Amino acid sequence: MSTSGAQTAAFFREIVQTSTIWWVRDDDGSPTPVSSSGRPVFPYWSSEARARRAAQLWGPQFRAVSMPLDHWRSAALPDLAKDDFRVGINWSGQRLTGWDFTVDEVINRLTHVLGEPPYDR
């Protein structure tokens, strides 16, 4: 399994265990890099330590922030879908690289890990 694949698997496993999602922000908002598809990506991490490493790489003004899994699922992800953002998952390394997915793909993976019926729009 690739590093990005392992990071993705760890993301879903860990957020279900802790019921917490982490992201990085400063006083002006969060970094939203552009994916290779040309769409903005909102990256998330499955632990505070992972998010803090990302914050340090982006600069001293950034900090790790958490939210409950239920809120991420019911509010943050739908907002990202409305704005046509992709979701970055546990980006790592000096250049903060990793996989990103559509919101629907993230919801499908999450429902699978939670053992819920398949997501359908």
C-alpha atoms as a PDB file:
ATOM      1  CA  MET A   1       0.000   0.000   0.000  1.00  0.00           C
ATOM      2  CA  SER A   2       1.260   3.472  -0.846  1.00  0.00           C
ATOM      3  CA  THR A   3       1.960   6.067   1.832  1.00  0.00           C
ATOM      4  CA  SER A   4      -1.109   8.057   0.745  1.00  0.00           C
ATOM      5  CA  GLY A   5      -3.217   4.902   0.839  1.00  0.00           C
ATOM      6  CA  ALA A   6      -1.990   4.073   4.337  1.00  0.00           C
ATOM      7  CA  GLN A   7      -2.641   7.659   5.472  1.00  0.00           C
ATOM      8  CA  THR A   8      -6.174   7.503   4.066  1.00  0.00           C
ATOM      9  CA  ALA A   9      -6.941   4.201   5.782  1.00  0.00           C
ATOM     10  CA  ALA A  10      -5.565   5.569   9.071  1.00  0.00           C
ATOM     11  CA  PHE A  11      -7.658   8.740   8.695  1.00  0.00           C
ATOM     12  CA  PHE A  12     -10.986   6.950   8.563  1.00  0.00           C
ATOM     13  CA  ARG A  13     -10.051   4.414  11.229  1.00  0.00           C
ATOM     14  CA  GLU A  14      -8.843   7.141  13.631  1.00  0.00           C
ATOM     15  CA  ILE A  15     -11.709   9.614  13.171  1.00  0.00           C
ATOM     16  CA  VAL A  16     -14.217   6.873  13.911  1.00  0.00           C
ATOM     17  CA  GLN A  17     -12.287   5.899  17.066  1.00  0.00           C
ATOM     18  CA  THR A  18     -11.927   9.466  18.383  1.00  0.00           C
ATOM     19  CA  SER A  19     -15.035  11.107  16.844  1.00  0.00           C
ATOM     20  CA  THR A  20     -12.808  14.117  16.108  1.00  0.00           C
ATOM     21  CA  ILE A  21     -11.533  15.800  12.939  1.00  0.00           C
ATOM     22  CA  TRP A  22      -8.580  18.219  12.809  1.00  0.00           C
ATOM     23  CA  TRP A  23      -7.723  21.008  10.390  1.00  0.00           C
ATOM     24  CA  VAL A  24      -5.301  23.922  10.196  1.00  0.00           C
ATOM     25  CA  ARG A  25      -6.117  27.625  10.267  1.00  0.00           C
ATOM     26  CA  ASP A  26      -4.871  31.063  11.169  1.00  0.00           C
ATOM     27  CA  ASP A  27      -6.832  34.226  11.976  1.00  0.00           C
ATOM     28  CA  ASP A  28      -7.702  34.678   8.301  1.00  0.00           C
ATOM     29  CA  GLY A  29      -8.868  31.120   7.583  1.00  0.00           C
ATOM     30  CA  SER A  30      -7.500  27.824   6.359  1.00  0.00           C
ATOM     31  CA  PRO A  31      -5.067  27.020   3.567  1.00  0.00           C
ATOM     32  CA  THR A  32      -6.938  25.640   0.557  1.00  0.00           C
ATOM     33  CA  PRO A  33      -4.431  24.462  -2.037  1.00  0.00           C
ATOM     34  CA  VAL A  34      -5.577  23.647  -5.560  1.00  0.00           C
ATOM     35  CA  SER A  35      -5.652  19.984  -6.610  1.00  0.00           C
ATOM     36  CA  SER A  36      -4.282  18.657  -9.883  1.00  0.00           C
ATOM     37  CA  SER A  37      -7.879  18.801 -11.154  1.00  0.00           C
ATOM     38  CA  GLY A  38      -7.864  22.566 -10.595  1.00  0.00           C
ATOM     39  CA  ARG A  39     -10.363  22.434  -7.727  1.00  0.00           C
ATOM     40  CA  PRO A  40      -9.630  23.806  -4.250  1.00  0.00           C
ATOM     41  CA  VAL A  41      -8.901  21.266  -1.517  1.00  0.00           C
ATOM     42  CA  PHE A  42      -9.704  21.616   2.169  1.00  0.00           C
ATOM     43  CA  PRO A  43      -7.284  19.313   4.021  1.00  0.00           C
ATOM     44  CA  TYR A  44      -8.165  17.475   7.254  1.00  0.00           C
ATOM     45  CA  TRP A  45      -6.231  15.243   9.637  1.00  0.00           C
ATOM     46  CA  SER A  46      -7.218  12.472  11.995  1.00  0.00           C
ATOM     47  CA  SER A  47      -5.126  13.568  14.971  1.00  0.00           C
ATOM     48  CA  GLU A  48      -3.921  16.702  16.648  1.00  0.00           C
ATOM     49  CA  ALA A  49      -0.292  15.666  16.190  1.00  0.00           C
ATOM     50  CA  ARG A  50      -0.741  15.287  12.420  1.00  0.00           C
ATOM     51  CA  ALA A  51      -2.507  18.662  12.144  1.00  0.00           C
ATOM     52  CA  ARG A  52       0.151  20.373  14.270  1.00  0.00           C
ATOM     53  CA  ARG A  53       2.893  19.086  11.958  1.00  0.00           C
ATOM     54  CA  ALA A  54       1.010  20.534   8.994  1.00  0.00           C
ATOM     55  CA  ALA A  55       0.508  23.843  10.803  1.00  0.00           C
ATOM     56  CA  GLN A  56       4.242  24.068  11.514  1.00  0.00           C
ATOM     57  CA  LEU A  57       5.037  23.471   7.844  1.00  0.00           C
ATOM     58  CA  TRP A  58       2.584  26.137   6.681  1.00  0.00           C
ATOM     59  CA  GLY A  59       3.962  28.729   9.103  1.00  0.00           C
ATOM     60  CA  PRO A  60       3.989  29.982  12.693  1.00  0.00           C
ATOM     61  CA  GLN A  61       0.650  31.784  12.321  1.00  0.00           C
ATOM     62  CA  PHE A  62      -1.182  28.480  11.786  1.00  0.00           C
ATOM     63  CA  ARG A  63      -2.680  26.272  14.496  1.00  0.00           C
ATOM     64  CA  ALA A  64      -4.472  22.930  14.696  1.00  0.00           C
ATOM     65  CA  VAL A  65      -8.211  23.121  15.390  1.00  0.00           C
ATOM     66  CA  SER A  66     -10.671  20.296  16.045  1.00  0.00           C
ATOM     67  CA  MET A  67     -14.351  19.636  15.471  1.00  0.00           C
ATOM     68  CA  PRO A  68     -16.625  16.729  16.367  1.00  0.00           C
ATOM     69  CA  LEU A  69     -17.058  14.084  13.687  1.00  0.00           C
ATOM     70  CA  ASP A  70     -20.845  14.568  13.704  1.00  0.00           C
ATOM     71  CA  HIS A  71     -20.495  18.292  12.965  1.00  0.00           C
ATOM     72  CA  TRP A  72     -17.963  17.633  10.206  1.00  0.00           C
ATOM     73  CA  ARG A  73     -20.318  15.148   8.640  1.00  0.00           C
ATOM     74  CA  SER A  74     -23.525  17.169   8.968  1.00  0.00           C
ATOM     75  CA  ALA A  75     -22.258  20.732   8.381  1.00  0.00           C
ATOM     76  CA  ALA A  76     -18.668  21.055   7.142  1.00  0.00           C
ATOM     77  CA  LEU A  77     -18.804  18.427   4.387  1.00  0.00           C
ATOM     78  CA  PRO A  78     -22.085  19.728   2.890  1.00  0.00           C
ATOM     79  CA  ASP A  79     -20.627  23.259   2.884  1.00  0.00           C
ATOM     80  CA  LEU A  80     -17.544  22.005   1.047  1.00  0.00           C
ATOM     81  CA  ALA A  81     -19.735  20.217  -1.507  1.00  0.00           C
ATOM     82  CA  LYS A  82     -21.710  23.424  -2.167  1.00  0.00           C
ATOM     83  CA  ASP A  83     -18.453  25.275  -2.852  1.00  0.00           C
ATOM     84  CA  ASP A  84     -17.085  22.432  -5.027  1.00  0.00           C
ATOM     85  CA  PHE A  85     -14.123  21.727  -2.740  1.00  0.00           C
ATOM     86  CA  ARG A  86     -12.304  18.438  -2.587  1.00  0.00           C
ATOM     87  CA  VAL A  87     -11.288  16.946   0.772  1.00  0.00           C
ATOM     88  CA  GLY A  88      -7.607  16.334   1.540  1.00  0.00           C
ATOM     89  CA  ILE A  89      -6.936  13.384   3.825  1.00  0.00           C
ATOM     90  CA  ASN A  90      -3.995  13.184   6.289  1.00  0.00           C
ATOM     91  CA  TRP A  91      -1.521  14.998   4.064  1.00  0.00           C
ATOM     92  CA  SER A  92       2.024  14.416   5.237  1.00  0.00           C
ATOM     93  CA  GLY A  93       5.691  14.980   4.434  1.00  0.00           C
ATOM     94  CA  GLN A  94       7.663  18.170   3.981  1.00  0.00           C
ATOM     95  CA  ARG A  95       5.479  19.205   1.030  1.00  0.00           C
ATOM     96  CA  LEU A  96       2.171  18.127   2.634  1.00  0.00           C
ATOM     97  CA  THR A  97       1.093  15.758  -0.070  1.00  0.00           C
ATOM     98  CA  GLY A  98      -1.532  13.067  -0.145  1.00  0.00           C
ATOM     99  CA  TRP A  99      -4.828  12.079  -1.639  1.00  0.00           C
ATOM    100  CA  ASP A 100      -7.904  14.230  -1.994  1.00  0.00           C
ATOM    101  CA  PHE A 101     -11.468  13.110  -2.671  1.00  0.00           C
ATOM    102  CA  THR A 102     -14.859  14.516  -3.558  1.00  0.00           C
ATOM    103  CA  VAL A 103     -17.207  15.015  -0.629  1.00  0.00           C
ATOM    104  CA  ASP A 104     -19.349  12.123  -1.874  1.00  0.00           C
ATOM    105  CA  GLU A 105     -16.309   9.830  -1.925  1.00  0.00           C
ATOM    106  CA  VAL A 106     -15.458  10.836   1.657  1.00  0.00           C
ATOM    107  CA  ILE A 107     -19.019  10.219   2.820  1.00  0.00           C
ATOM    108  CA  ASN A 108     -19.056   6.809   1.119  1.00  0.00           C
ATOM    109  CA  ARG A 109     -15.784   5.805   2.775  1.00  0.00           C
ATOM    110  CA  LEU A 110     -16.970   7.054   6.148  1.00  0.00           C
ATOM    111  CA  THR A 111     -20.290   5.207   5.980  1.00  0.00           C
ATOM    112  CA  HIS A 112     -18.409   2.046   5.052  1.00  0.00           C
ATOM    113  CA  VAL A 113     -16.067   2.370   8.058  1.00  0.00           C
ATOM    114  CA  LEU A 114     -19.051   3.093  10.319  1.00  0.00           C
ATOM    115  CA  GLY A 115     -20.864   0.036   8.948  1.00  0.00           C
ATOM    116  CA  GLU A 116     -23.832   2.099   7.792  1.00  0.00           C
ATOM    117  CA  PRO A 117     -25.876   1.522   4.633  1.00  0.00           C
ATOM    118  CA  PRO A 118     -24.309   2.962   1.471  1.00  0.00           C
ATOM    119  CA  TYR A 119     -24.596   6.696   0.970  1.00  0.00           C
ATOM    120  CA  ASP A 120     -26.959   7.622  -1.852  1.00  0.00           C
ATOM    121  CA  ARG A 121     -27.999  11.030  -3.147  1.00  0.00           C
END
